[in-house]
Each structure stands twice: as structure tokens, then as C-alpha cells.
Amino acid sequence: MSTIASSAPRRALRSLVPPLKHLVLLAVGLMMVAPFIWMVLTSFKPLSQLLTDPLSALPDPWIFTNWPDAWNALPFGRAYLNSFYITVLVVAGTLLTTSMAAYGFSRLPFKGSKVIFGIFLAMQMVPKQVTLVPFYFLMAKIGWVDSHLALIVPAILVNPFGVFLMRQFIASIPRELEEAAMIDGASRWRIYWKVILPAIRPGMGALGIIVALDAWNNFLLPLVLLNSTELFTVPLLLSQFNGQFGGMNYGIVMAATSLSTIPMLIAFLIGQRQIIESLATSGLGGR
């Protein structure tokens, strides 16, 4: 009887653990999303409220002119178009090159392939800031300064993380599928296109979202390489917007910032489950 009585409090404590975990996660989640909520609410505040009570929670009164004013103040439409087509090209090209390179490293071993793959992965450890100056001189040498090619082509050709992620997925594909295709007379290219790509579609979806977020939010390279306003991307135009209107009306600045985050926020909300599942399946989630 004493043993049963002593185990009852333990079971009660154990039953409290899941609700406590959920409360902690909820609190952390609210802390992370609070700045974004404040940004959106501030975009609906009038200038008088921002000057007298900038930390107030809700707009009083609600105004909806900050959003069209922010859109019309600078060429946001052109910047949106630039960021959109750059992101689409980078995602499509990166998925192709990384999957092809990963297939080569995983299924077509050659002398020194492990060393080359290790060097390729080591490139990911080098910060972009370290190679920024030589990268700028290289782009200037080939005439790509003040051109979107400098943002698209290097991003497509060099993505160590993408190659590593795709290689993890390809390594999990049974070799028997390829052997069966070879018996049927399929070439390496046909095997890659008809067998490998459909099998790694979840990983490609996750990588595509990750690459899209990085390409859309890229600020450093456009800042260094682009000079013409008509070539500016959304983050670069937003910095110019902040410098021009930041000291006058934070409502317009917050509206512009909200506009810049909407596309990638939608993309992340749509693909977050796929990202988590793909990282766990590929072995990056601690498995």
C-alpha cells in the first residue's frame, strides 16, 4: 500500500510535464512573434500616436493609408518584380545543380571524390564577408557589377549545404532501383531524371523553400553589387526607404517592412512542415 501511495504523486507530477512543456513553448513562441505583431500594428498607427505614445499596443485610431503610401513612395513594384524573378531563377537553378552534384558524389564515385566533397563542404564554413572583396573584383572583371547576373549565377553554382542535403536523400534511395533501370537500358541521365528526382522530391521542396528565403532576404550582395535603383531588390530598397522616411513616420516604414515580409512569410508557413520532416529524414535532425 505504501508503494502505491508513493507512486501516485509521481504519476501526478508526470502528468503535469506535457502541459508545462506546452506553456513554455507557447511563451517562447509569443516572445518570438511579438516583434512581428508590433510591426504590423504600428503600420496602422497615425503619426500623432507614434509621436506621443510610440510603445502603445493598438492603433488609436486605425488608419490604412500607410500601406498605399509606402507602396507609392518608392518603386516597390519594380523591386518586388526583381526579387521575385531572381528568387525563382536561383531556386530552380540551385535545385538542378545541387541534385546533379549530389547524384555524382553519391552514385558516381571517382578518385578523390571524398576529398573534393570535404573541401566543398568546408566552403560553407567560410563567411561571405571574408570573400566579399575578391568576389566583387571577380564580378567587376567579367562585367557583372550592377547586374542581376552577379546575384543569380554564383548562387546557382555554389551551394554546399544544398549538395550535402541532396546527397543525404540520394544515399537513402535503394540501389536496386537504379540497377533495375540499368537492366532496362536506361542511361545515367534517364536514371537521374526518372528515378532519382521523383524519389528526392520532399528534400527538393524543403531545399527550395530554404533557398527562396535566403535569396529573397539577401541584402549584403545587392548592397555591394547594385548601383541602379531600377535593379534594387526589396531588402535593398527597404534600407533606402528607412533612411528617407525613418525619422518622419515610422508607420510608413513599418508598412513597408510588412510588405517586404509577406511573400516569404507565406512561403514559410506553407512549407514549414516539409522543412522539418525533410531535415529529420536526411539525418540533420539528430537521428
C-alpha atoms as a PDB file:
ATOM      1  CA  MET A   1       0.000   0.000   0.000  1.00  0.00           C
ATOM      2  CA  SER A   2       2.837   2.409   0.815  1.00  0.00           C
ATOM      3  CA  THR A   3       4.430   1.799  -2.592  1.00  0.00           C
ATOM      4  CA  ILE A   4       1.163   2.544  -4.373  1.00  0.00           C
ATOM      5  CA  ALA A   5       0.661   5.672  -2.293  1.00  0.00           C
ATOM      6  CA  SER A   6       4.181   6.962  -3.043  1.00  0.00           C
ATOM      7  CA  SER A   7       3.832   6.346  -6.793  1.00  0.00           C
ATOM      8  CA  ALA A   8       0.636   8.390  -7.008  1.00  0.00           C
ATOM      9  CA  PRO A   9       2.395  11.782  -6.557  1.00  0.00           C
ATOM     10  CA  ARG A  10       4.980  10.749  -9.175  1.00  0.00           C
ATOM     11  CA  ARG A  11       2.283   9.976 -11.696  1.00  0.00           C
ATOM     12  CA  ALA A  12       0.649  13.295 -10.893  1.00  0.00           C
ATOM     13  CA  LEU A  13       3.934  15.126 -11.486  1.00  0.00           C
ATOM     14  CA  ARG A  14       4.495  13.263 -14.736  1.00  0.00           C
ATOM     15  CA  SER A  15       1.049  14.230 -15.939  1.00  0.00           C
ATOM     16  CA  LEU A  16       1.967  17.892 -15.388  1.00  0.00           C
ATOM     17  CA  VAL A  17       5.093  17.720 -17.564  1.00  0.00           C
ATOM     18  CA  PRO A  18       3.376  17.866 -21.012  1.00  0.00           C
ATOM     19  CA  PRO A  19       1.198  20.903 -20.121  1.00  0.00           C
ATOM     20  CA  LEU A  20       4.249  22.690 -18.693  1.00  0.00           C
ATOM     21  CA  LYS A  21       6.231  21.983 -21.838  1.00  0.00           C
ATOM     22  CA  HIS A  22       3.419  23.386 -23.950  1.00  0.00           C
ATOM     23  CA  LEU A  23       3.221  26.502 -21.782  1.00  0.00           C
ATOM     24  CA  VAL A  24       6.968  27.090 -22.105  1.00  0.00           C
ATOM     25  CA  LEU A  25       6.839  26.593 -25.878  1.00  0.00           C
ATOM     26  CA  LEU A  26       3.841  28.923 -26.113  1.00  0.00           C
ATOM     27  CA  ALA A  27       5.647  31.602 -24.099  1.00  0.00           C
ATOM     28  CA  VAL A  28       8.782  31.316 -26.246  1.00  0.00           C
ATOM     29  CA  GLY A  29       6.668  31.405 -29.405  1.00  0.00           C
ATOM     30  CA  LEU A  30       4.877  34.551 -28.262  1.00  0.00           C
ATOM     31  CA  MET A  31       8.201  36.205 -27.465  1.00  0.00           C
ATOM     32  CA  MET A  32       9.453  35.433 -30.966  1.00  0.00           C
ATOM     33  CA  VAL A  33       6.313  36.590 -32.778  1.00  0.00           C
ATOM     34  CA  ALA A  34       5.744  39.701 -30.628  1.00  0.00           C
ATOM     35  CA  PRO A  35       8.085  41.982 -32.680  1.00  0.00           C
ATOM     36  CA  PHE A  36       6.342  40.992 -35.896  1.00  0.00           C
ATOM     37  CA  ILE A  37       2.899  41.661 -34.403  1.00  0.00           C
ATOM     38  CA  TRP A  38       4.075  45.033 -33.097  1.00  0.00           C
ATOM     39  CA  MET A  39       5.460  45.875 -36.556  1.00  0.00           C
ATOM     40  CA  VAL A  40       2.138  45.114 -38.248  1.00  0.00           C
ATOM     41  CA  LEU A  41       0.107  47.028 -35.637  1.00  0.00           C
ATOM     42  CA  THR A  42       2.459  50.015 -35.886  1.00  0.00           C
ATOM     43  CA  SER A  43       1.857  50.147 -39.633  1.00  0.00           C
ATOM     44  CA  PHE A  44      -1.777  51.097 -38.854  1.00  0.00           C
ATOM     45  CA  LYS A  45      -0.960  53.830 -36.325  1.00  0.00           C
ATOM     46  CA  PRO A  46      -1.261  57.539 -37.125  1.00  0.00           C
ATOM     47  CA  LEU A  47       1.782  59.779 -36.892  1.00  0.00           C
ATOM     48  CA  SER A  48       0.340  61.677 -33.889  1.00  0.00           C
ATOM     49  CA  GLN A  49       0.129  58.471 -31.851  1.00  0.00           C
ATOM     50  CA  LEU A  50       3.666  57.448 -32.823  1.00  0.00           C
ATOM     51  CA  LEU A  51       4.998  60.795 -31.609  1.00  0.00           C
ATOM     52  CA  THR A  52       3.115  60.841 -28.308  1.00  0.00           C
ATOM     53  CA  ASP A  53       2.918  57.143 -27.396  1.00  0.00           C
ATOM     54  CA  PRO A  54       5.140  55.045 -29.694  1.00  0.00           C
ATOM     55  CA  LEU A  55       5.005  51.926 -27.476  1.00  0.00           C
ATOM     56  CA  SER A  56       1.214  51.692 -27.374  1.00  0.00           C
ATOM     57  CA  ALA A  57      -0.153  48.289 -28.290  1.00  0.00           C
ATOM     58  CA  LEU A  58      -3.131  49.095 -30.516  1.00  0.00           C
ATOM     59  CA  PRO A  59      -3.606  51.868 -33.080  1.00  0.00           C
ATOM     60  CA  ASP A  60      -5.877  54.706 -31.979  1.00  0.00           C
ATOM     61  CA  PRO A  61      -7.409  55.367 -34.438  1.00  0.00           C
ATOM     62  CA  TRP A  62      -6.735  52.721 -37.056  1.00  0.00           C
ATOM     63  CA  ILE A  63      -5.534  54.197 -40.362  1.00  0.00           C
ATOM     64  CA  PHE A  64      -4.987  52.293 -43.592  1.00  0.00           C
ATOM     65  CA  THR A  65      -3.181  54.913 -45.667  1.00  0.00           C
ATOM     66  CA  ASN A  66       0.322  53.947 -44.543  1.00  0.00           C
ATOM     67  CA  TRP A  67       0.312  50.840 -46.751  1.00  0.00           C
ATOM     68  CA  PRO A  68      -0.524  52.554 -50.087  1.00  0.00           C
ATOM     69  CA  ASP A  69       1.739  55.476 -49.117  1.00  0.00           C
ATOM     70  CA  ALA A  70       4.609  53.050 -48.523  1.00  0.00           C
ATOM     71  CA  TRP A  71       3.958  51.262 -51.811  1.00  0.00           C
ATOM     72  CA  ASN A  72       3.878  54.507 -53.814  1.00  0.00           C
ATOM     73  CA  ALA A  73       6.707  56.333 -52.049  1.00  0.00           C
ATOM     74  CA  LEU A  74       9.418  54.331 -53.833  1.00  0.00           C
ATOM     75  CA  PRO A  75       9.320  51.838 -56.764  1.00  0.00           C
ATOM     76  CA  PHE A  76       8.257  48.883 -54.629  1.00  0.00           C
ATOM     77  CA  GLY A  77       6.548  47.206 -57.581  1.00  0.00           C
ATOM     78  CA  ARG A  78       9.792  47.086 -59.561  1.00  0.00           C
ATOM     79  CA  ALA A  79      11.729  45.869 -56.532  1.00  0.00           C
ATOM     80  CA  TYR A  80       9.153  43.139 -55.948  1.00  0.00           C
ATOM     81  CA  LEU A  81       9.495  42.016 -59.566  1.00  0.00           C
ATOM     82  CA  ASN A  82      13.296  41.973 -59.305  1.00  0.00           C
ATOM     83  CA  SER A  83      13.300  39.968 -56.087  1.00  0.00           C
ATOM     84  CA  PHE A  84      10.660  37.582 -57.412  1.00  0.00           C
ATOM     85  CA  TYR A  85      12.355  36.627 -60.645  1.00  0.00           C
ATOM     86  CA  ILE A  86      15.797  36.450 -59.006  1.00  0.00           C
ATOM     87  CA  THR A  87      14.394  34.139 -56.331  1.00  0.00           C
ATOM     88  CA  VAL A  88      12.634  31.917 -58.886  1.00  0.00           C
ATOM     89  CA  LEU A  89      15.748  31.561 -61.051  1.00  0.00           C
ATOM     90  CA  VAL A  90      18.021  30.914 -58.075  1.00  0.00           C
ATOM     91  CA  VAL A  91      15.681  28.266 -56.656  1.00  0.00           C
ATOM     92  CA  ALA A  92      15.204  26.464 -59.974  1.00  0.00           C
ATOM     93  CA  GLY A  93      18.897  26.557 -60.859  1.00  0.00           C
ATOM     94  CA  THR A  94      20.042  25.546 -57.383  1.00  0.00           C
ATOM     95  CA  LEU A  95      17.723  22.542 -57.256  1.00  0.00           C
ATOM     96  CA  LEU A  96      19.105  21.357 -60.601  1.00  0.00           C
ATOM     97  CA  THR A  97      22.810  21.866 -59.879  1.00  0.00           C
ATOM     98  CA  THR A  98      22.759  20.590 -56.296  1.00  0.00           C
ATOM     99  CA  SER A  99      20.807  17.456 -57.186  1.00  0.00           C
ATOM    100  CA  MET A 100      23.134  16.702 -60.097  1.00  0.00           C
ATOM    101  CA  ALA A 101      26.244  17.242 -57.985  1.00  0.00           C
ATOM    102  CA  ALA A 102      24.793  15.195 -55.142  1.00  0.00           C
ATOM    103  CA  TYR A 103      23.994  12.336 -57.535  1.00  0.00           C
ATOM    104  CA  GLY A 104      27.561  12.393 -58.785  1.00  0.00           C
ATOM    105  CA  PHE A 105      29.075  12.342 -55.300  1.00  0.00           C
ATOM    106  CA  SER A 106      26.664   9.676 -54.067  1.00  0.00           C
ATOM    107  CA  ARG A 107      26.391   7.268 -57.018  1.00  0.00           C
ATOM    108  CA  LEU A 108      29.362   8.004 -59.307  1.00  0.00           C
ATOM    109  CA  PRO A 109      32.443   7.713 -57.089  1.00  0.00           C
ATOM    110  CA  PHE A 110      35.765   8.680 -58.619  1.00  0.00           C
ATOM    111  CA  LYS A 111      39.304   9.041 -57.371  1.00  0.00           C
ATOM    112  CA  GLY A 112      39.496  11.827 -54.807  1.00  0.00           C
ATOM    113  CA  SER A 113      35.727  12.325 -54.652  1.00  0.00           C
ATOM    114  CA  LYS A 114      35.668  12.221 -50.850  1.00  0.00           C
ATOM    115  CA  VAL A 115      38.430  14.822 -50.622  1.00  0.00           C
ATOM    116  CA  ILE A 116      36.696  17.088 -53.114  1.00  0.00           C
ATOM    117  CA  PHE A 117      33.401  16.706 -51.297  1.00  0.00           C
ATOM    118  CA  GLY A 118      35.085  17.550 -47.969  1.00  0.00           C
ATOM    119  CA  ILE A 119      36.654  20.670 -49.488  1.00  0.00           C
ATOM    120  CA  PHE A 120      33.303  21.599 -50.976  1.00  0.00           C
ATOM    121  CA  LEU A 121      31.630  21.324 -47.576  1.00  0.00           C
ATOM    122  CA  ALA A 122      34.452  23.314 -45.959  1.00  0.00           C
ATOM    123  CA  MET A 123      33.492  26.231 -48.198  1.00  0.00           C
ATOM    124  CA  GLN A 124      30.294  26.536 -46.178  1.00  0.00           C
ATOM    125  CA  MET A 125      32.349  27.393 -43.090  1.00  0.00           C
ATOM    126  CA  VAL A 126      33.863  30.472 -44.769  1.00  0.00           C
ATOM    127  CA  PRO A 127      31.753  33.600 -44.069  1.00  0.00           C
ATOM    128  CA  LYS A 128      30.603  35.532 -47.108  1.00  0.00           C
ATOM    129  CA  GLN A 129      32.157  38.685 -45.675  1.00  0.00           C
ATOM    130  CA  VAL A 130      35.627  37.129 -45.965  1.00  0.00           C
ATOM    131  CA  THR A 131      35.311  36.573 -49.708  1.00  0.00           C
ATOM    132  CA  LEU A 132      33.317  39.727 -50.431  1.00  0.00           C
ATOM    133  CA  VAL A 133      36.221  41.822 -51.759  1.00  0.00           C
ATOM    134  CA  PRO A 134      37.665  39.191 -54.124  1.00  0.00           C
ATOM    135  CA  PHE A 135      34.129  38.305 -55.201  1.00  0.00           C
ATOM    136  CA  TYR A 136      33.470  41.948 -56.085  1.00  0.00           C
ATOM    137  CA  PHE A 137      36.680  42.175 -58.130  1.00  0.00           C
ATOM    138  CA  LEU A 138      35.759  38.937 -59.929  1.00  0.00           C
ATOM    139  CA  MET A 139      32.330  40.273 -60.800  1.00  0.00           C
ATOM    140  CA  ALA A 140      33.884  43.549 -61.961  1.00  0.00           C
ATOM    141  CA  LYS A 141      36.369  41.637 -64.114  1.00  0.00           C
ATOM    142  CA  ILE A 142      33.610  39.838 -66.017  1.00  0.00           C
ATOM    143  CA  GLY A 143      31.379  42.926 -66.135  1.00  0.00           C
ATOM    144  CA  TRP A 144      28.617  41.770 -63.804  1.00  0.00           C
ATOM    145  CA  VAL A 145      28.702  44.668 -61.350  1.00  0.00           C
ATOM    146  CA  ASP A 146      25.334  46.445 -61.344  1.00  0.00           C
ATOM    147  CA  SER A 147      23.755  43.358 -62.890  1.00  0.00           C
ATOM    148  CA  HIS A 148      21.423  40.708 -61.557  1.00  0.00           C
ATOM    149  CA  LEU A 149      23.689  38.026 -63.046  1.00  0.00           C
ATOM    150  CA  ALA A 150      26.047  38.533 -60.099  1.00  0.00           C
ATOM    151  CA  LEU A 151      23.209  37.564 -57.746  1.00  0.00           C
ATOM    152  CA  ILE A 152      21.874  34.650 -59.794  1.00  0.00           C
ATOM    153  CA  VAL A 153      24.742  32.680 -61.351  1.00  0.00           C
ATOM    154  CA  PRO A 154      27.075  32.328 -58.311  1.00  0.00           C
ATOM    155  CA  ALA A 155      24.117  31.396 -56.084  1.00  0.00           C
ATOM    156  CA  ILE A 156      23.161  28.639 -58.535  1.00  0.00           C
ATOM    157  CA  LEU A 157      26.656  27.234 -58.933  1.00  0.00           C
ATOM    158  CA  VAL A 158      27.819  27.252 -55.298  1.00  0.00           C
ATOM    159  CA  ASN A 159      25.565  25.873 -52.570  1.00  0.00           C
ATOM    160  CA  PRO A 160      27.451  23.380 -50.341  1.00  0.00           C
ATOM    161  CA  PHE A 161      24.528  22.923 -47.957  1.00  0.00           C
ATOM    162  CA  GLY A 162      22.201  22.061 -50.819  1.00  0.00           C
ATOM    163  CA  VAL A 163      24.620  19.466 -52.200  1.00  0.00           C
ATOM    164  CA  PHE A 164      25.026  17.914 -48.763  1.00  0.00           C
ATOM    165  CA  LEU A 165      21.266  17.789 -48.154  1.00  0.00           C
ATOM    166  CA  MET A 166      20.527  16.251 -51.561  1.00  0.00           C
ATOM    167  CA  ARG A 167      23.350  13.739 -51.119  1.00  0.00           C
ATOM    168  CA  GLN A 168      21.791  12.584 -47.855  1.00  0.00           C
ATOM    169  CA  PHE A 169      18.482  11.932 -49.597  1.00  0.00           C
ATOM    170  CA  ILE A 170      20.050  10.174 -52.584  1.00  0.00           C
ATOM    171  CA  ALA A 171      22.114   7.957 -50.283  1.00  0.00           C
ATOM    172  CA  SER A 172      18.869   6.674 -48.737  1.00  0.00           C
ATOM    173  CA  ILE A 173      17.489   5.509 -52.122  1.00  0.00           C
ATOM    174  CA  PRO A 174      17.910   1.738 -52.652  1.00  0.00           C
ATOM    175  CA  ARG A 175      20.462   0.990 -55.354  1.00  0.00           C
ATOM    176  CA  GLU A 176      18.207  -1.770 -56.622  1.00  0.00           C
ATOM    177  CA  LEU A 177      16.007   0.856 -58.269  1.00  0.00           C
ATOM    178  CA  GLU A 178      18.934   2.088 -60.361  1.00  0.00           C
ATOM    179  CA  GLU A 179      20.091  -1.426 -61.164  1.00  0.00           C
ATOM    180  CA  ALA A 180      16.629  -2.321 -62.407  1.00  0.00           C
ATOM    181  CA  ALA A 181      16.603   0.790 -64.594  1.00  0.00           C
ATOM    182  CA  MET A 182      20.039  -0.095 -65.986  1.00  0.00           C
ATOM    183  CA  ILE A 183      18.841  -3.592 -66.874  1.00  0.00           C
ATOM    184  CA  ASP A 184      16.021  -1.953 -68.826  1.00  0.00           C
ATOM    185  CA  GLY A 185      18.648   0.028 -70.752  1.00  0.00           C
ATOM    186  CA  ALA A 186      18.250   3.403 -69.046  1.00  0.00           C
ATOM    187  CA  SER A 187      21.186   5.808 -69.214  1.00  0.00           C
ATOM    188  CA  ARG A 188      22.614   7.663 -66.223  1.00  0.00           C
ATOM    189  CA  TRP A 189      20.805  10.809 -67.263  1.00  0.00           C
ATOM    190  CA  ARG A 190      17.485   8.965 -67.577  1.00  0.00           C
ATOM    191  CA  ILE A 191      18.023   7.311 -64.184  1.00  0.00           C
ATOM    192  CA  TYR A 192      18.712  10.705 -62.646  1.00  0.00           C
ATOM    193  CA  TRP A 193      15.638  12.254 -64.259  1.00  0.00           C
ATOM    194  CA  LYS A 194      13.140   9.407 -63.885  1.00  0.00           C
ATOM    195  CA  VAL A 195      14.293   7.631 -60.705  1.00  0.00           C
ATOM    196  CA  ILE A 196      16.352   9.957 -58.523  1.00  0.00           C
ATOM    197  CA  LEU A 197      14.446  13.236 -58.852  1.00  0.00           C
ATOM    198  CA  PRO A 198      10.997  11.782 -58.043  1.00  0.00           C
ATOM    199  CA  ALA A 199      12.470   9.956 -55.032  1.00  0.00           C
ATOM    200  CA  ILE A 200      14.044  13.096 -53.537  1.00  0.00           C
ATOM    201  CA  ARG A 201      11.094  15.403 -54.209  1.00  0.00           C
ATOM    202  CA  PRO A 202      10.427  16.084 -50.471  1.00  0.00           C
ATOM    203  CA  GLY A 203      14.030  17.123 -49.941  1.00  0.00           C
ATOM    204  CA  MET A 204      13.966  19.333 -53.016  1.00  0.00           C
ATOM    205  CA  GLY A 205      10.822  21.020 -51.719  1.00  0.00           C
ATOM    206  CA  ALA A 206      12.472  21.791 -48.393  1.00  0.00           C
ATOM    207  CA  LEU A 207      15.685  22.993 -50.032  1.00  0.00           C
ATOM    208  CA  GLY A 208      13.687  25.159 -52.429  1.00  0.00           C
ATOM    209  CA  ILE A 209      11.994  26.982 -49.556  1.00  0.00           C
ATOM    210  CA  ILE A 210      15.288  27.457 -47.704  1.00  0.00           C
ATOM    211  CA  VAL A 211      16.977  28.814 -50.831  1.00  0.00           C
ATOM    212  CA  ALA A 212      13.992  31.067 -51.567  1.00  0.00           C
ATOM    213  CA  LEU A 213      14.148  32.605 -48.095  1.00  0.00           C
ATOM    214  CA  ASP A 214      17.871  33.228 -48.468  1.00  0.00           C
ATOM    215  CA  ALA A 215      17.575  34.696 -51.974  1.00  0.00           C
ATOM    216  CA  TRP A 216      14.653  36.961 -51.092  1.00  0.00           C
ATOM    217  CA  ASN A 217      16.260  38.294 -47.897  1.00  0.00           C
ATOM    218  CA  ASN A 218      19.741  38.704 -49.391  1.00  0.00           C
ATOM    219  CA  PHE A 219      20.924  42.212 -48.557  1.00  0.00           C
ATOM    220  CA  LEU A 220      24.730  42.285 -48.454  1.00  0.00           C
ATOM    221  CA  LEU A 221      25.489  41.278 -52.044  1.00  0.00           C
ATOM    222  CA  PRO A 222      22.867  43.583 -53.641  1.00  0.00           C
ATOM    223  CA  LEU A 223      24.161  46.411 -51.453  1.00  0.00           C
ATOM    224  CA  VAL A 224      27.700  45.919 -52.751  1.00  0.00           C
ATOM    225  CA  LEU A 225      26.979  44.991 -56.361  1.00  0.00           C
ATOM    226  CA  LEU A 226      23.931  47.028 -57.411  1.00  0.00           C
ATOM    227  CA  ASN A 227      24.013  50.762 -58.098  1.00  0.00           C
ATOM    228  CA  SER A 228      20.936  51.441 -60.233  1.00  0.00           C
ATOM    229  CA  THR A 229      17.654  51.967 -58.415  1.00  0.00           C
ATOM    230  CA  GLU A 230      15.705  50.069 -61.061  1.00  0.00           C
ATOM    231  CA  LEU A 231      17.776  46.967 -60.230  1.00  0.00           C
ATOM    232  CA  PHE A 232      17.236  47.139 -56.462  1.00  0.00           C
ATOM    233  CA  THR A 233      15.724  44.176 -54.663  1.00  0.00           C
ATOM    234  CA  VAL A 234      13.160  44.514 -51.868  1.00  0.00           C
ATOM    235  CA  PRO A 235      15.623  44.426 -48.911  1.00  0.00           C
ATOM    236  CA  LEU A 236      17.899  46.971 -50.594  1.00  0.00           C
ATOM    237  CA  LEU A 237      15.041  49.315 -51.457  1.00  0.00           C
ATOM    238  CA  LEU A 238      13.724  48.921 -47.921  1.00  0.00           C
ATOM    239  CA  SER A 239      17.004  50.189 -46.466  1.00  0.00           C
ATOM    240  CA  GLN A 240      16.794  53.240 -48.711  1.00  0.00           C
ATOM    241  CA  PHE A 241      13.186  53.683 -47.653  1.00  0.00           C
ATOM    242  CA  ASN A 242      14.152  53.569 -43.984  1.00  0.00           C
ATOM    243  CA  GLY A 243      16.837  56.200 -44.483  1.00  0.00           C
ATOM    244  CA  GLN A 244      14.436  58.505 -46.301  1.00  0.00           C
ATOM    245  CA  PHE A 245      11.371  58.176 -44.074  1.00  0.00           C
ATOM    246  CA  GLY A 246      12.647  56.673 -40.820  1.00  0.00           C
ATOM    247  CA  GLY A 247      12.882  59.966 -38.983  1.00  0.00           C
ATOM    248  CA  MET A 248       9.493  61.209 -40.176  1.00  0.00           C
ATOM    249  CA  ASN A 249       6.884  58.487 -39.994  1.00  0.00           C
ATOM    250  CA  TYR A 250       7.589  55.075 -38.521  1.00  0.00           C
ATOM    251  CA  GLY A 251       4.111  53.964 -39.547  1.00  0.00           C
ATOM    252  CA  ILE A 252       5.073  54.128 -43.227  1.00  0.00           C
ATOM    253  CA  VAL A 253       8.381  52.391 -42.503  1.00  0.00           C
ATOM    254  CA  MET A 254       6.617  49.571 -40.661  1.00  0.00           C
ATOM    255  CA  ALA A 255       4.111  49.244 -43.510  1.00  0.00           C
ATOM    256  CA  ALA A 256       6.969  48.941 -46.000  1.00  0.00           C
ATOM    257  CA  THR A 257       8.685  46.367 -43.801  1.00  0.00           C
ATOM    258  CA  SER A 258       5.471  44.361 -43.545  1.00  0.00           C
ATOM    259  CA  LEU A 259       5.114  44.431 -47.321  1.00  0.00           C
ATOM    260  CA  SER A 260       8.620  43.029 -47.706  1.00  0.00           C
ATOM    261  CA  THR A 261       7.994  40.094 -45.367  1.00  0.00           C
ATOM    262  CA  ILE A 262       4.626  38.904 -46.674  1.00  0.00           C
ATOM    263  CA  PRO A 263       5.816  36.682 -49.593  1.00  0.00           C
ATOM    264  CA  MET A 264       8.409  34.741 -47.608  1.00  0.00           C
ATOM    265  CA  LEU A 265       6.134  34.502 -44.581  1.00  0.00           C
ATOM    266  CA  ILE A 266       3.529  32.803 -46.754  1.00  0.00           C
ATOM    267  CA  ALA A 267       6.170  30.501 -48.263  1.00  0.00           C
ATOM    268  CA  PHE A 268       7.460  29.509 -44.833  1.00  0.00           C
ATOM    269  CA  LEU A 269       4.014  28.871 -43.412  1.00  0.00           C
ATOM    270  CA  ILE A 270       3.199  26.647 -46.374  1.00  0.00           C
ATOM    271  CA  GLY A 271       6.446  24.683 -46.257  1.00  0.00           C
ATOM    272  CA  GLN A 272       7.479  24.603 -42.606  1.00  0.00           C
ATOM    273  CA  ARG A 273       6.226  21.051 -42.053  1.00  0.00           C
ATOM    274  CA  GLN A 274       8.074  19.843 -45.119  1.00  0.00           C
ATOM    275  CA  ILE A 275      11.283  21.527 -43.983  1.00  0.00           C
ATOM    276  CA  ILE A 276      11.176  19.891 -40.555  1.00  0.00           C
ATOM    277  CA  GLU A 277      10.301  16.444 -41.914  1.00  0.00           C
ATOM    278  CA  SER A 278      12.965  16.631 -44.621  1.00  0.00           C
ATOM    279  CA  LEU A 279      15.716  17.690 -42.232  1.00  0.00           C
ATOM    280  CA  ALA A 280      14.789  14.882 -39.857  1.00  0.00           C
ATOM    281  CA  THR A 281      14.684  12.307 -42.658  1.00  0.00           C
ATOM    282  CA  SER A 282      18.040  13.386 -44.065  1.00  0.00           C
ATOM    283  CA  GLY A 283      19.755  12.915 -40.712  1.00  0.00           C
ATOM    284  CA  LEU A 284      20.142  16.617 -39.849  1.00  0.00           C
ATOM    285  CA  GLY A 285      17.533  16.477 -37.111  1.00  0.00           C
ATOM    286  CA  GLY A 286      19.618  14.457 -34.675  1.00  0.00           C
ATOM    287  CA  ARG A 287      18.709  10.986 -35.929  1.00  0.00           C
END
